[in-house]
Amino acid sequence: MQRKHLAALLALLAVASVAYLLFRGWGLITLHATNEPLQKVLHQIEKQAGVLIRSNIDGATKITLQLDRAPIGEAMESLAAITEGRWRLTYLVGDSSAVTSAMGSIGSEKKLEGWKTFFYPLPPSFETDEAKTADPRSDIWNVQPPAEHKLQSYLEAAARSVSAAFITPENWNPDVPASPGSGPVSKTLPRLAASVHGKAQELILLQNNRRDNADRDRGGDRGASPRGFGEFNREAMEQRVLAEIQKMPPAEQAAAREELEQTKTFFTGLRELPAEERRAKMEEFFERPEVQERWDKREAERNSRRTPEQRVAKAQQYRERKQQALSASKK
């Protein structure tokens, strides 16, 4: 009898061990693609990460990508580098019929008419490697109820706190009866939508780098970015950066806040300058060694994810731009 109990216990432990290993690897991406269509690669990532992905990049684009137990952020960063695109976690928020309709065109070249986007991407200097390559669905939204208890006010606050984008119909702005409470955005956003009898559809957008899509057409208090994502909202950008600094290790926060203050001081000083002086100051700023170092590091990270052929092409493009700049300076 004791042997039977021991055997049963060992079997239970074996099952538990397998279950733990499966749970620990849930949502991580293992993928070995060599010259495979982007559409097939995206489908494999969707299945392993448990998330919908939409893209306006040709699904027949050939992809070579090797990943072993990588977070979704790592997988998407690599795809964005290979396809010369960009990606972000996105939530469509509206009533069920509106969200279902929007899913038919989201991610394509077609703009979502009558919808507005809340999105504040971080300046590159405040984007940590860990944040870029982690799972953005686990990003914590520390909910601070806004003065106006309306859905769009909450979405605006969320965009200033986490890395996701939030898209909702312009004319849909119901009252929020109670704050959804803080937590991972993947949990908090659905609670917010449910509280107004709506739906939150989570997906990832992988798009080419053209700037004529919906990113340029936000209504209301628009998103802000030094990279061309709409109007520049200094207050919102500062709140977004401060929210990210609070997620850093305590030892890194003081230096990050000092850098933020220096950046604010610099750009505040530009406001009253004539256009020519402002342009010269900007060129001087971007030529600073510490700024160049950050940009070089960022480009090196993206370049490490590209295929050898893409690296050669990028180097050639860089040489051509350098030669054009030299030629222009001699005229």
C-alpha atoms as a PDB file:
ATOM      1  CA  MET A   1       0.000   0.000   0.000  1.00  0.00           C
ATOM      2  CA  GLN A   2       2.824   2.388   0.910  1.00  0.00           C
ATOM      3  CA  ARG A   3       4.465   1.688  -2.467  1.00  0.00           C
ATOM      4  CA  LYS A   4       1.231   2.611  -4.244  1.00  0.00           C
ATOM      5  CA  HIS A   5       1.013   5.871  -2.302  1.00  0.00           C
ATOM      6  CA  LEU A   6       4.668   6.620  -3.083  1.00  0.00           C
ATOM      7  CA  ALA A   7       4.143   5.912  -6.778  1.00  0.00           C
ATOM      8  CA  ALA A   8       1.074   8.133  -6.833  1.00  0.00           C
ATOM      9  CA  LEU A   9       3.003  10.921  -5.086  1.00  0.00           C
ATOM     10  CA  LEU A  10       5.906  10.662  -7.553  1.00  0.00           C
ATOM     11  CA  ALA A  11       3.463  10.763 -10.476  1.00  0.00           C
ATOM     12  CA  LEU A  12       1.793  13.853  -9.011  1.00  0.00           C
ATOM     13  CA  LEU A  13       5.167  15.556  -8.558  1.00  0.00           C
ATOM     14  CA  ALA A  14       6.112  14.747 -12.165  1.00  0.00           C
ATOM     15  CA  VAL A  15       2.869  16.259 -13.473  1.00  0.00           C
ATOM     16  CA  ALA A  16       3.359  19.321 -11.259  1.00  0.00           C
ATOM     17  CA  SER A  17       6.924  19.768 -12.543  1.00  0.00           C
ATOM     18  CA  VAL A  18       5.785  19.646 -16.170  1.00  0.00           C
ATOM     19  CA  ALA A  19       2.926  22.046 -15.416  1.00  0.00           C
ATOM     20  CA  TYR A  20       5.356  24.462 -13.743  1.00  0.00           C
ATOM     21  CA  LEU A  21       7.707  24.399 -16.705  1.00  0.00           C
ATOM     22  CA  LEU A  22       4.838  25.032 -19.083  1.00  0.00           C
ATOM     23  CA  PHE A  23       3.526  27.880 -16.909  1.00  0.00           C
ATOM     24  CA  ARG A  24       6.980  29.448 -16.577  1.00  0.00           C
ATOM     25  CA  GLY A  25       7.375  29.474 -20.359  1.00  0.00           C
ATOM     26  CA  TRP A  26       3.843  30.654 -21.109  1.00  0.00           C
ATOM     27  CA  GLY A  27       3.866  33.733 -23.336  1.00  0.00           C
ATOM     28  CA  LEU A  28       7.556  33.392 -24.249  1.00  0.00           C
ATOM     29  CA  ILE A  29       8.420  33.074 -27.931  1.00  0.00           C
ATOM     30  CA  THR A  30      10.564  30.316 -29.431  1.00  0.00           C
ATOM     31  CA  LEU A  31      10.793  30.672 -33.176  1.00  0.00           C
ATOM     32  CA  HIS A  32      13.312  29.619 -35.821  1.00  0.00           C
ATOM     33  CA  ALA A  33      12.335  31.162 -39.144  1.00  0.00           C
ATOM     34  CA  THR A  34      14.585  31.256 -42.199  1.00  0.00           C
ATOM     35  CA  ASN A  35      13.282  33.219 -45.157  1.00  0.00           C
ATOM     36  CA  GLU A  36       9.662  32.632 -44.144  1.00  0.00           C
ATOM     37  CA  PRO A  37       6.680  34.923 -44.922  1.00  0.00           C
ATOM     38  CA  LEU A  38       5.951  37.591 -42.329  1.00  0.00           C
ATOM     39  CA  GLN A  39       2.340  36.408 -42.142  1.00  0.00           C
ATOM     40  CA  LYS A  40       3.466  32.949 -41.011  1.00  0.00           C
ATOM     41  CA  VAL A  41       5.895  34.393 -38.465  1.00  0.00           C
ATOM     42  CA  LEU A  42       3.212  36.665 -37.004  1.00  0.00           C
ATOM     43  CA  HIS A  43       0.815  33.730 -36.721  1.00  0.00           C
ATOM     44  CA  GLN A  44       3.394  31.741 -34.728  1.00  0.00           C
ATOM     45  CA  ILE A  45       4.004  34.679 -32.394  1.00  0.00           C
ATOM     46  CA  GLU A  46       0.269  35.175 -31.912  1.00  0.00           C
ATOM     47  CA  LYS A  47      -0.197  31.547 -30.879  1.00  0.00           C
ATOM     48  CA  GLN A  48       2.703  31.529 -28.428  1.00  0.00           C
ATOM     49  CA  ALA A  49       2.119  34.969 -26.901  1.00  0.00           C
ATOM     50  CA  GLY A  50      -1.665  34.787 -26.784  1.00  0.00           C
ATOM     51  CA  VAL A  51      -2.165  38.142 -28.483  1.00  0.00           C
ATOM     52  CA  LEU A  52      -3.617  39.410 -31.775  1.00  0.00           C
ATOM     53  CA  ILE A  53      -1.199  41.125 -34.168  1.00  0.00           C
ATOM     54  CA  ARG A  54      -2.192  43.365 -37.072  1.00  0.00           C
ATOM     55  CA  SER A  55       0.216  44.804 -39.646  1.00  0.00           C
ATOM     56  CA  ASN A  56       0.167  46.932 -42.788  1.00  0.00           C
ATOM     57  CA  ILE A  57       3.468  45.406 -43.929  1.00  0.00           C
ATOM     58  CA  ASP A  58       3.217  42.971 -46.840  1.00  0.00           C
ATOM     59  CA  GLY A  59       2.572  39.528 -45.368  1.00  0.00           C
ATOM     60  CA  ALA A  60       4.741  37.947 -48.065  1.00  0.00           C
ATOM     61  CA  THR A  61       7.852  39.807 -46.805  1.00  0.00           C
ATOM     62  CA  LYS A  62      10.552  37.210 -46.121  1.00  0.00           C
ATOM     63  CA  ILE A  63      11.715  37.038 -42.505  1.00  0.00           C
ATOM     64  CA  THR A  64      14.741  35.373 -40.935  1.00  0.00           C
ATOM     65  CA  LEU A  65      14.436  35.384 -37.151  1.00  0.00           C
ATOM     66  CA  GLN A  66      15.803  33.173 -34.372  1.00  0.00           C
ATOM     67  CA  LEU A  67      14.230  33.443 -30.915  1.00  0.00           C
ATOM     68  CA  ASP A  68      14.459  31.206 -27.855  1.00  0.00           C
ATOM     69  CA  ARG A  69      12.068  31.860 -24.975  1.00  0.00           C
ATOM     70  CA  ALA A  70      11.918  35.571 -25.763  1.00  0.00           C
ATOM     71  CA  PRO A  71       9.331  37.980 -24.303  1.00  0.00           C
ATOM     72  CA  ILE A  72       6.853  39.457 -26.765  1.00  0.00           C
ATOM     73  CA  GLY A  73       8.681  42.813 -26.639  1.00  0.00           C
ATOM     74  CA  GLU A  74      11.942  41.187 -27.728  1.00  0.00           C
ATOM     75  CA  ALA A  75      10.178  39.416 -30.598  1.00  0.00           C
ATOM     76  CA  MET A  76       8.459  42.594 -31.801  1.00  0.00           C
ATOM     77  CA  GLU A  77      11.611  44.719 -31.469  1.00  0.00           C
ATOM     78  CA  SER A  78      13.391  42.229 -33.694  1.00  0.00           C
ATOM     79  CA  LEU A  79      10.570  42.196 -36.251  1.00  0.00           C
ATOM     80  CA  ALA A  80      10.428  45.990 -36.280  1.00  0.00           C
ATOM     81  CA  ALA A  81      14.170  46.184 -36.988  1.00  0.00           C
ATOM     82  CA  ILE A  82      13.984  43.559 -39.747  1.00  0.00           C
ATOM     83  CA  THR A  83      10.965  45.135 -41.462  1.00  0.00           C
ATOM     84  CA  GLU A  84      12.096  48.749 -40.871  1.00  0.00           C
ATOM     85  CA  GLY A  85       8.853  49.262 -38.984  1.00  0.00           C
ATOM     86  CA  ARG A  86       7.551  50.129 -35.549  1.00  0.00           C
ATOM     87  CA  TRP A  87       5.245  48.379 -33.130  1.00  0.00           C
ATOM     88  CA  ARG A  88       3.137  49.056 -30.081  1.00  0.00           C
ATOM     89  CA  LEU A  89       0.598  47.479 -27.793  1.00  0.00           C
ATOM     90  CA  THR A  90      -2.825  48.927 -28.588  1.00  0.00           C
ATOM     91  CA  TYR A  91      -6.289  48.831 -27.050  1.00  0.00           C
ATOM     92  CA  LEU A  92      -9.454  49.533 -29.015  1.00  0.00           C
ATOM     93  CA  VAL A  93     -12.078  50.738 -26.546  1.00  0.00           C
ATOM     94  CA  GLY A  94     -15.737  51.203 -27.487  1.00  0.00           C
ATOM     95  CA  ASP A  95     -19.066  49.476 -27.545  1.00  0.00           C
ATOM     96  CA  SER A  96     -18.936  45.922 -28.862  1.00  0.00           C
ATOM     97  CA  SER A  97     -20.210  46.681 -32.371  1.00  0.00           C
ATOM     98  CA  ALA A  98     -17.811  49.609 -32.865  1.00  0.00           C
ATOM     99  CA  VAL A  99     -14.802  47.565 -31.761  1.00  0.00           C
ATOM    100  CA  THR A 100     -15.787  44.637 -33.992  1.00  0.00           C
ATOM    101  CA  SER A 101     -16.130  46.992 -36.965  1.00  0.00           C
ATOM    102  CA  ALA A 102     -12.799  48.690 -36.267  1.00  0.00           C
ATOM    103  CA  MET A 103     -10.990  45.351 -36.141  1.00  0.00           C
ATOM    104  CA  GLY A 104     -11.773  44.966 -39.836  1.00  0.00           C
ATOM    105  CA  SER A 105      -9.483  47.832 -40.810  1.00  0.00           C
ATOM    106  CA  ILE A 106      -7.108  48.402 -37.888  1.00  0.00           C
ATOM    107  CA  GLY A 107      -3.501  47.907 -38.891  1.00  0.00           C
ATOM    108  CA  SER A 108      -4.110  48.604 -42.573  1.00  0.00           C
ATOM    109  CA  GLU A 109      -3.256  51.773 -44.486  1.00  0.00           C
ATOM    110  CA  LYS A 110      -6.873  52.838 -44.041  1.00  0.00           C
ATOM    111  CA  LYS A 111      -7.399  55.345 -41.238  1.00  0.00           C
ATOM    112  CA  LEU A 112     -10.024  54.686 -38.583  1.00  0.00           C
ATOM    113  CA  GLU A 113     -12.459  57.491 -39.325  1.00  0.00           C
ATOM    114  CA  GLY A 114     -14.095  59.052 -36.292  1.00  0.00           C
ATOM    115  CA  TRP A 115     -11.670  57.516 -33.769  1.00  0.00           C
ATOM    116  CA  LYS A 116      -9.063  59.278 -31.635  1.00  0.00           C
ATOM    117  CA  THR A 117      -5.814  57.956 -30.217  1.00  0.00           C
ATOM    118  CA  PHE A 118      -4.147  58.593 -26.864  1.00  0.00           C
ATOM    119  CA  PHE A 119      -0.448  57.740 -27.083  1.00  0.00           C
ATOM    120  CA  TYR A 120       2.744  59.282 -25.669  1.00  0.00           C
ATOM    121  CA  PRO A 121       5.897  57.412 -26.779  1.00  0.00           C
ATOM    122  CA  LEU A 122       8.959  57.980 -24.659  1.00  0.00           C
ATOM    123  CA  PRO A 123      11.916  59.986 -25.961  1.00  0.00           C
ATOM    124  CA  PRO A 124      14.691  57.500 -26.858  1.00  0.00           C
ATOM    125  CA  SER A 125      16.923  58.605 -23.977  1.00  0.00           C
ATOM    126  CA  PHE A 126      14.318  57.456 -21.438  1.00  0.00           C
ATOM    127  CA  GLU A 127      13.488  54.140 -23.100  1.00  0.00           C
ATOM    128  CA  THR A 128      15.283  51.460 -21.127  1.00  0.00           C
ATOM    129  CA  ASP A 129      16.335  48.225 -22.815  1.00  0.00           C
ATOM    130  CA  GLU A 130      14.350  46.250 -20.237  1.00  0.00           C
ATOM    131  CA  ALA A 131      11.159  48.208 -20.913  1.00  0.00           C
ATOM    132  CA  LYS A 132      11.467  47.912 -24.702  1.00  0.00           C
ATOM    133  CA  THR A 133      11.976  44.169 -24.750  1.00  0.00           C
ATOM    134  CA  ALA A 134       9.656  43.112 -21.919  1.00  0.00           C
ATOM    135  CA  ASP A 135       5.957  42.320 -22.180  1.00  0.00           C
ATOM    136  CA  PRO A 136       4.137  45.695 -22.339  1.00  0.00           C
ATOM    137  CA  ARG A 137       0.925  44.014 -21.192  1.00  0.00           C
ATOM    138  CA  SER A 138       2.459  43.798 -17.717  1.00  0.00           C
ATOM    139  CA  ASP A 139       3.213  47.542 -17.598  1.00  0.00           C
ATOM    140  CA  ILE A 140       1.654  48.894 -14.401  1.00  0.00           C
ATOM    141  CA  TRP A 141      -0.931  51.647 -14.708  1.00  0.00           C
ATOM    142  CA  ASN A 142      -0.997  53.501 -11.399  1.00  0.00           C
ATOM    143  CA  VAL A 143      -4.519  54.846 -11.731  1.00  0.00           C
ATOM    144  CA  GLN A 144      -5.072  58.376 -10.466  1.00  0.00           C
ATOM    145  CA  PRO A 145      -8.746  59.287 -11.051  1.00  0.00           C
ATOM    146  CA  PRO A 146      -8.873  62.362 -13.320  1.00  0.00           C
ATOM    147  CA  ALA A 147     -10.843  65.494 -12.466  1.00  0.00           C
ATOM    148  CA  GLU A 148     -13.472  64.574 -15.049  1.00  0.00           C
ATOM    149  CA  HIS A 149     -14.750  61.034 -14.523  1.00  0.00           C
ATOM    150  CA  LYS A 150     -15.158  60.353 -18.243  1.00  0.00           C
ATOM    151  CA  LEU A 151     -13.766  57.438 -20.229  1.00  0.00           C
ATOM    152  CA  GLN A 152     -11.524  59.571 -22.446  1.00  0.00           C
ATOM    153  CA  SER A 153     -10.058  61.337 -19.416  1.00  0.00           C
ATOM    154  CA  TYR A 154      -9.064  57.939 -18.029  1.00  0.00           C
ATOM    155  CA  LEU A 155      -7.581  56.898 -21.387  1.00  0.00           C
ATOM    156  CA  GLU A 156      -5.592  60.134 -21.512  1.00  0.00           C
ATOM    157  CA  ALA A 157      -4.265  59.403 -18.022  1.00  0.00           C
ATOM    158  CA  ALA A 158      -3.396  55.832 -19.010  1.00  0.00           C
ATOM    159  CA  ALA A 159      -1.439  57.052 -22.050  1.00  0.00           C
ATOM    160  CA  ARG A 160       0.625  59.264 -19.767  1.00  0.00           C
ATOM    161  CA  SER A 161       1.435  56.299 -17.530  1.00  0.00           C
ATOM    162  CA  VAL A 162       2.166  53.277 -19.761  1.00  0.00           C
ATOM    163  CA  SER A 163       3.618  52.469 -23.170  1.00  0.00           C
ATOM    164  CA  ALA A 164       0.369  51.347 -24.823  1.00  0.00           C
ATOM    165  CA  ALA A 165      -1.849  53.288 -27.232  1.00  0.00           C
ATOM    166  CA  PHE A 166      -5.583  53.673 -26.622  1.00  0.00           C
ATOM    167  CA  ILE A 167      -8.042  54.239 -29.469  1.00  0.00           C
ATOM    168  CA  THR A 168     -11.706  55.086 -28.975  1.00  0.00           C
ATOM    169  CA  PRO A 169     -14.557  56.639 -30.986  1.00  0.00           C
ATOM    170  CA  GLU A 170     -14.412  60.434 -30.757  1.00  0.00           C
ATOM    171  CA  ASN A 171     -18.096  60.728 -29.872  1.00  0.00           C
ATOM    172  CA  TRP A 172     -18.077  57.939 -27.240  1.00  0.00           C
ATOM    173  CA  ASN A 173     -17.174  59.318 -23.832  1.00  0.00           C
ATOM    174  CA  PRO A 174     -19.395  57.766 -21.132  1.00  0.00           C
ATOM    175  CA  ASP A 175     -19.207  58.510 -17.420  1.00  0.00           C
ATOM    176  CA  VAL A 176     -16.973  56.155 -15.423  1.00  0.00           C
ATOM    177  CA  PRO A 177     -18.835  55.143 -12.250  1.00  0.00           C
ATOM    178  CA  ALA A 178     -15.730  54.028 -10.311  1.00  0.00           C
ATOM    179  CA  SER A 179     -11.968  53.880 -10.775  1.00  0.00           C
ATOM    180  CA  PRO A 180     -10.777  50.495 -12.095  1.00  0.00           C
ATOM    181  CA  GLY A 181      -7.896  50.398  -9.607  1.00  0.00           C
ATOM    182  CA  SER A 182      -4.190  50.128 -10.367  1.00  0.00           C
ATOM    183  CA  GLY A 183      -2.497  47.101 -11.914  1.00  0.00           C
ATOM    184  CA  PRO A 184      -1.126  45.691 -15.173  1.00  0.00           C
ATOM    185  CA  VAL A 185      -2.712  47.532 -18.092  1.00  0.00           C
ATOM    186  CA  SER A 186      -3.874  44.193 -19.548  1.00  0.00           C
ATOM    187  CA  LYS A 187      -6.081  43.746 -16.460  1.00  0.00           C
ATOM    188  CA  THR A 188      -6.999  47.350 -15.687  1.00  0.00           C
ATOM    189  CA  LEU A 189      -8.126  48.399 -19.176  1.00  0.00           C
ATOM    190  CA  PRO A 190     -10.753  45.646 -19.577  1.00  0.00           C
ATOM    191  CA  ARG A 191     -12.137  46.543 -16.127  1.00  0.00           C
ATOM    192  CA  LEU A 192     -12.400  50.190 -17.177  1.00  0.00           C
ATOM    193  CA  ALA A 193     -14.188  49.260 -20.415  1.00  0.00           C
ATOM    194  CA  ALA A 194     -16.547  46.884 -18.617  1.00  0.00           C
ATOM    195  CA  SER A 195     -17.499  49.588 -16.110  1.00  0.00           C
ATOM    196  CA  VAL A 196     -18.977  51.646 -18.985  1.00  0.00           C
ATOM    197  CA  HIS A 197     -20.562  48.588 -20.648  1.00  0.00           C
ATOM    198  CA  GLY A 198     -17.956  48.624 -23.380  1.00  0.00           C
ATOM    199  CA  LYS A 199     -15.270  46.337 -24.758  1.00  0.00           C
ATOM    200  CA  ALA A 200     -11.460  46.581 -24.770  1.00  0.00           C
ATOM    201  CA  GLN A 201      -9.759  44.712 -27.610  1.00  0.00           C
ATOM    202  CA  GLU A 202      -6.054  44.121 -26.999  1.00  0.00           C
ATOM    203  CA  LEU A 203      -3.736  43.794 -29.994  1.00  0.00           C
ATOM    204  CA  ILE A 204      -0.264  44.628 -31.223  1.00  0.00           C
ATOM    205  CA  LEU A 205       0.234  46.857 -34.260  1.00  0.00           C
ATOM    206  CA  LEU A 206       3.305  46.347 -36.453  1.00  0.00           C
ATOM    207  CA  GLN A 207       3.436  49.121 -39.032  1.00  0.00           C
ATOM    208  CA  ASN A 208       5.766  50.571 -41.585  1.00  0.00           C
ATOM    209  CA  ASN A 209       7.424  53.870 -40.776  1.00  0.00           C
ATOM    210  CA  ARG A 210       5.242  56.044 -42.989  1.00  0.00           C
ATOM    211  CA  ARG A 211       3.878  59.054 -41.119  1.00  0.00           C
ATOM    212  CA  ASP A 212       0.616  59.502 -43.044  1.00  0.00           C
ATOM    213  CA  ASN A 213      -1.457  57.092 -40.975  1.00  0.00           C
ATOM    214  CA  ALA A 214      -3.711  57.567 -37.943  1.00  0.00           C
ATOM    215  CA  ASP A 215      -0.803  58.586 -35.699  1.00  0.00           C
ATOM    216  CA  ARG A 216      -0.983  62.029 -37.284  1.00  0.00           C
ATOM    217  CA  ASP A 217      -4.720  62.376 -36.795  1.00  0.00           C
ATOM    218  CA  ARG A 218      -5.470  62.329 -33.117  1.00  0.00           C
ATOM    219  CA  GLY A 219      -8.231  64.503 -31.749  1.00  0.00           C
ATOM    220  CA  GLY A 220      -8.430  66.358 -28.452  1.00  0.00           C
ATOM    221  CA  ASP A 221      -5.329  66.433 -26.302  1.00  0.00           C
ATOM    222  CA  ARG A 222      -3.113  64.768 -28.831  1.00  0.00           C
ATOM    223  CA  GLY A 223      -0.176  62.479 -28.361  1.00  0.00           C
ATOM    224  CA  ALA A 224       3.305  63.880 -28.454  1.00  0.00           C
ATOM    225  CA  SER A 225       6.599  62.689 -29.764  1.00  0.00           C
ATOM    226  CA  PRO A 226       9.903  64.050 -31.053  1.00  0.00           C
ATOM    227  CA  ARG A 227       9.620  61.300 -33.694  1.00  0.00           C
ATOM    228  CA  GLY A 228       6.633  62.668 -35.554  1.00  0.00           C
ATOM    229  CA  PHE A 229       3.667  61.194 -33.666  1.00  0.00           C
ATOM    230  CA  GLY A 230       1.509  64.317 -33.696  1.00  0.00           C
ATOM    231  CA  GLU A 231       1.575  67.607 -31.798  1.00  0.00           C
ATOM    232  CA  PHE A 232       4.104  68.095 -29.034  1.00  0.00           C
ATOM    233  CA  ASN A 233       2.386  68.235 -25.639  1.00  0.00           C
ATOM    234  CA  ARG A 234       5.142  69.127 -23.179  1.00  0.00           C
ATOM    235  CA  GLU A 235       3.095  68.574 -20.032  1.00  0.00           C
ATOM    236  CA  ALA A 236       1.924  65.143 -21.156  1.00  0.00           C
ATOM    237  CA  MET A 237       5.407  64.118 -22.252  1.00  0.00           C
ATOM    238  CA  GLU A 238       6.869  65.177 -18.912  1.00  0.00           C
ATOM    239  CA  GLN A 239       4.264  63.119 -17.043  1.00  0.00           C
ATOM    240  CA  ARG A 240       4.971  60.138 -19.287  1.00  0.00           C
ATOM    241  CA  VAL A 241       8.713  60.369 -18.619  1.00  0.00           C
ATOM    242  CA  LEU A 242       8.186  60.805 -14.872  1.00  0.00           C
ATOM    243  CA  ALA A 243       5.936  57.731 -14.820  1.00  0.00           C
ATOM    244  CA  GLU A 244       8.698  55.737 -16.496  1.00  0.00           C
ATOM    245  CA  ILE A 245      11.370  57.075 -14.143  1.00  0.00           C
ATOM    246  CA  GLN A 246       9.323  55.842 -11.181  1.00  0.00           C
ATOM    247  CA  LYS A 247       9.557  52.314 -12.619  1.00  0.00           C
ATOM    248  CA  MET A 248      13.376  52.448 -12.710  1.00  0.00           C
ATOM    249  CA  PRO A 249      15.560  51.019  -9.938  1.00  0.00           C
ATOM    250  CA  PRO A 250      15.878  53.626  -7.126  1.00  0.00           C
ATOM    251  CA  ALA A 251      19.609  54.029  -7.779  1.00  0.00           C
ATOM    252  CA  GLU A 252      18.913  55.221 -11.348  1.00  0.00           C
ATOM    253  CA  GLN A 253      16.047  57.599 -10.653  1.00  0.00           C
ATOM    254  CA  ALA A 254      18.033  60.632  -9.462  1.00  0.00           C
ATOM    255  CA  ALA A 255      20.212  60.733 -12.593  1.00  0.00           C
ATOM    256  CA  ALA A 256      17.157  60.293 -14.824  1.00  0.00           C
ATOM    257  CA  ARG A 257      15.334  63.171 -13.114  1.00  0.00           C
ATOM    258  CA  GLU A 258      18.412  65.388 -13.479  1.00  0.00           C
ATOM    259  CA  GLU A 259      18.561  64.576 -17.196  1.00  0.00           C
ATOM    260  CA  LEU A 260      14.871  65.404 -17.539  1.00  0.00           C
ATOM    261  CA  GLU A 261      15.377  68.796 -15.878  1.00  0.00           C
ATOM    262  CA  GLN A 262      18.349  69.593 -18.117  1.00  0.00           C
ATOM    263  CA  THR A 263      16.352  68.671 -21.214  1.00  0.00           C
ATOM    264  CA  LYS A 264      13.394  70.791 -20.071  1.00  0.00           C
ATOM    265  CA  THR A 265      15.673  73.773 -19.421  1.00  0.00           C
ATOM    266  CA  PHE A 266      17.270  73.454 -22.846  1.00  0.00           C
ATOM    267  CA  PHE A 267      14.001  73.297 -24.785  1.00  0.00           C
ATOM    268  CA  THR A 268      12.408  76.052 -22.691  1.00  0.00           C
ATOM    269  CA  GLY A 269      15.290  78.303 -23.673  1.00  0.00           C
ATOM    270  CA  LEU A 270      14.596  77.701 -27.352  1.00  0.00           C
ATOM    271  CA  ARG A 271      11.095  79.137 -27.322  1.00  0.00           C
ATOM    272  CA  GLU A 272      12.019  82.807 -27.626  1.00  0.00           C
ATOM    273  CA  LEU A 273      14.868  82.381 -30.103  1.00  0.00           C
ATOM    274  CA  PRO A 274      14.558  83.310 -33.795  1.00  0.00           C
ATOM    275  CA  ALA A 275      14.154  80.342 -36.149  1.00  0.00           C
ATOM    276  CA  GLU A 276      17.786  80.334 -37.346  1.00  0.00           C
ATOM    277  CA  GLU A 277      19.220  80.443 -33.831  1.00  0.00           C
ATOM    278  CA  ARG A 278      16.785  77.768 -32.695  1.00  0.00           C
ATOM    279  CA  ARG A 279      17.871  75.508 -35.552  1.00  0.00           C
ATOM    280  CA  ALA A 280      21.549  76.056 -34.721  1.00  0.00           C
ATOM    281  CA  LYS A 281      20.956  75.278 -31.036  1.00  0.00           C
ATOM    282  CA  MET A 282      19.116  72.096 -31.955  1.00  0.00           C
ATOM    283  CA  GLU A 283      21.972  70.946 -34.190  1.00  0.00           C
ATOM    284  CA  GLU A 284      24.395  71.719 -31.373  1.00  0.00           C
ATOM    285  CA  PHE A 285      22.262  69.709 -28.942  1.00  0.00           C
ATOM    286  CA  PHE A 286      22.108  66.607 -31.145  1.00  0.00           C
ATOM    287  CA  GLU A 287      25.853  66.790 -31.785  1.00  0.00           C
ATOM    288  CA  ARG A 288      26.675  66.522 -28.077  1.00  0.00           C
ATOM    289  CA  PRO A 289      28.773  63.387 -27.371  1.00  0.00           C
ATOM    290  CA  GLU A 290      26.318  62.008 -24.801  1.00  0.00           C
ATOM    291  CA  VAL A 291      23.389  62.459 -27.198  1.00  0.00           C
ATOM    292  CA  GLN A 292      25.301  60.915 -30.098  1.00  0.00           C
ATOM    293  CA  GLU A 293      26.281  58.011 -27.842  1.00  0.00           C
ATOM    294  CA  ARG A 294      22.626  57.290 -27.016  1.00  0.00           C
ATOM    295  CA  TRP A 295      21.566  57.429 -30.673  1.00  0.00           C
ATOM    296  CA  ASP A 296      24.520  55.250 -31.710  1.00  0.00           C
ATOM    297  CA  LYS A 297      23.646  52.707 -29.016  1.00  0.00           C
ATOM    298  CA  ARG A 298      20.024  52.626 -30.113  1.00  0.00           C
ATOM    299  CA  GLU A 299      20.957  52.143 -33.768  1.00  0.00           C
ATOM    300  CA  ALA A 300      23.475  49.443 -32.828  1.00  0.00           C
ATOM    301  CA  GLU A 301      20.732  47.587 -30.947  1.00  0.00           C
ATOM    302  CA  ARG A 302      18.414  47.684 -33.964  1.00  0.00           C
ATOM    303  CA  ASN A 303      21.251  46.776 -36.308  1.00  0.00           C
ATOM    304  CA  SER A 304      22.090  43.688 -34.225  1.00  0.00           C
ATOM    305  CA  ARG A 305      18.589  42.384 -34.957  1.00  0.00           C
ATOM    306  CA  ARG A 306      18.889  42.785 -38.731  1.00  0.00           C
ATOM    307  CA  THR A 307      20.098  40.217 -41.224  1.00  0.00           C
ATOM    308  CA  PRO A 308      23.674  40.550 -42.591  1.00  0.00           C
ATOM    309  CA  GLU A 309      22.258  41.747 -45.927  1.00  0.00           C
ATOM    310  CA  GLN A 310      20.259  44.462 -44.180  1.00  0.00           C
ATOM    311  CA  ARG A 311      23.320  45.606 -42.261  1.00  0.00           C
ATOM    312  CA  VAL A 312      25.278  45.997 -45.493  1.00  0.00           C
ATOM    313  CA  ALA A 313      22.403  47.953 -47.062  1.00  0.00           C
ATOM    314  CA  LYS A 314      22.130  50.195 -43.997  1.00  0.00           C
ATOM    315  CA  ALA A 315      25.863  50.909 -44.046  1.00  0.00           C
ATOM    316  CA  GLN A 316      25.624  51.831 -47.728  1.00  0.00           C
ATOM    317  CA  GLN A 317      22.688  54.169 -47.044  1.00  0.00           C
ATOM    318  CA  TYR A 318      24.663  55.812 -44.245  1.00  0.00           C
ATOM    319  CA  ARG A 319      27.670  56.378 -46.509  1.00  0.00           C
ATOM    320  CA  GLU A 320      25.453  57.880 -49.197  1.00  0.00           C
ATOM    321  CA  ARG A 321      23.779  60.277 -46.751  1.00  0.00           C
ATOM    322  CA  LYS A 322      27.192  61.268 -45.386  1.00  0.00           C
ATOM    323  CA  GLN A 323      28.466  61.985 -48.898  1.00  0.00           C
ATOM    324  CA  GLN A 324      25.364  64.032 -49.727  1.00  0.00           C
ATOM    325  CA  ALA A 325      25.811  66.067 -46.538  1.00  0.00           C
ATOM    326  CA  LEU A 326      29.494  66.734 -47.380  1.00  0.00           C
ATOM    327  CA  SER A 327      28.615  67.754 -50.925  1.00  0.00           C
ATOM    328  CA  ALA A 328      25.908  70.103 -49.696  1.00  0.00           C
ATOM    329  CA  SER A 329      28.275  71.743 -47.197  1.00  0.00           C
ATOM    330  CA  LYS A 330      30.784  72.557 -49.964  1.00  0.00           C
ATOM    331  CA  LYS A 331      28.254  74.426 -52.108  1.00  0.00           C
END
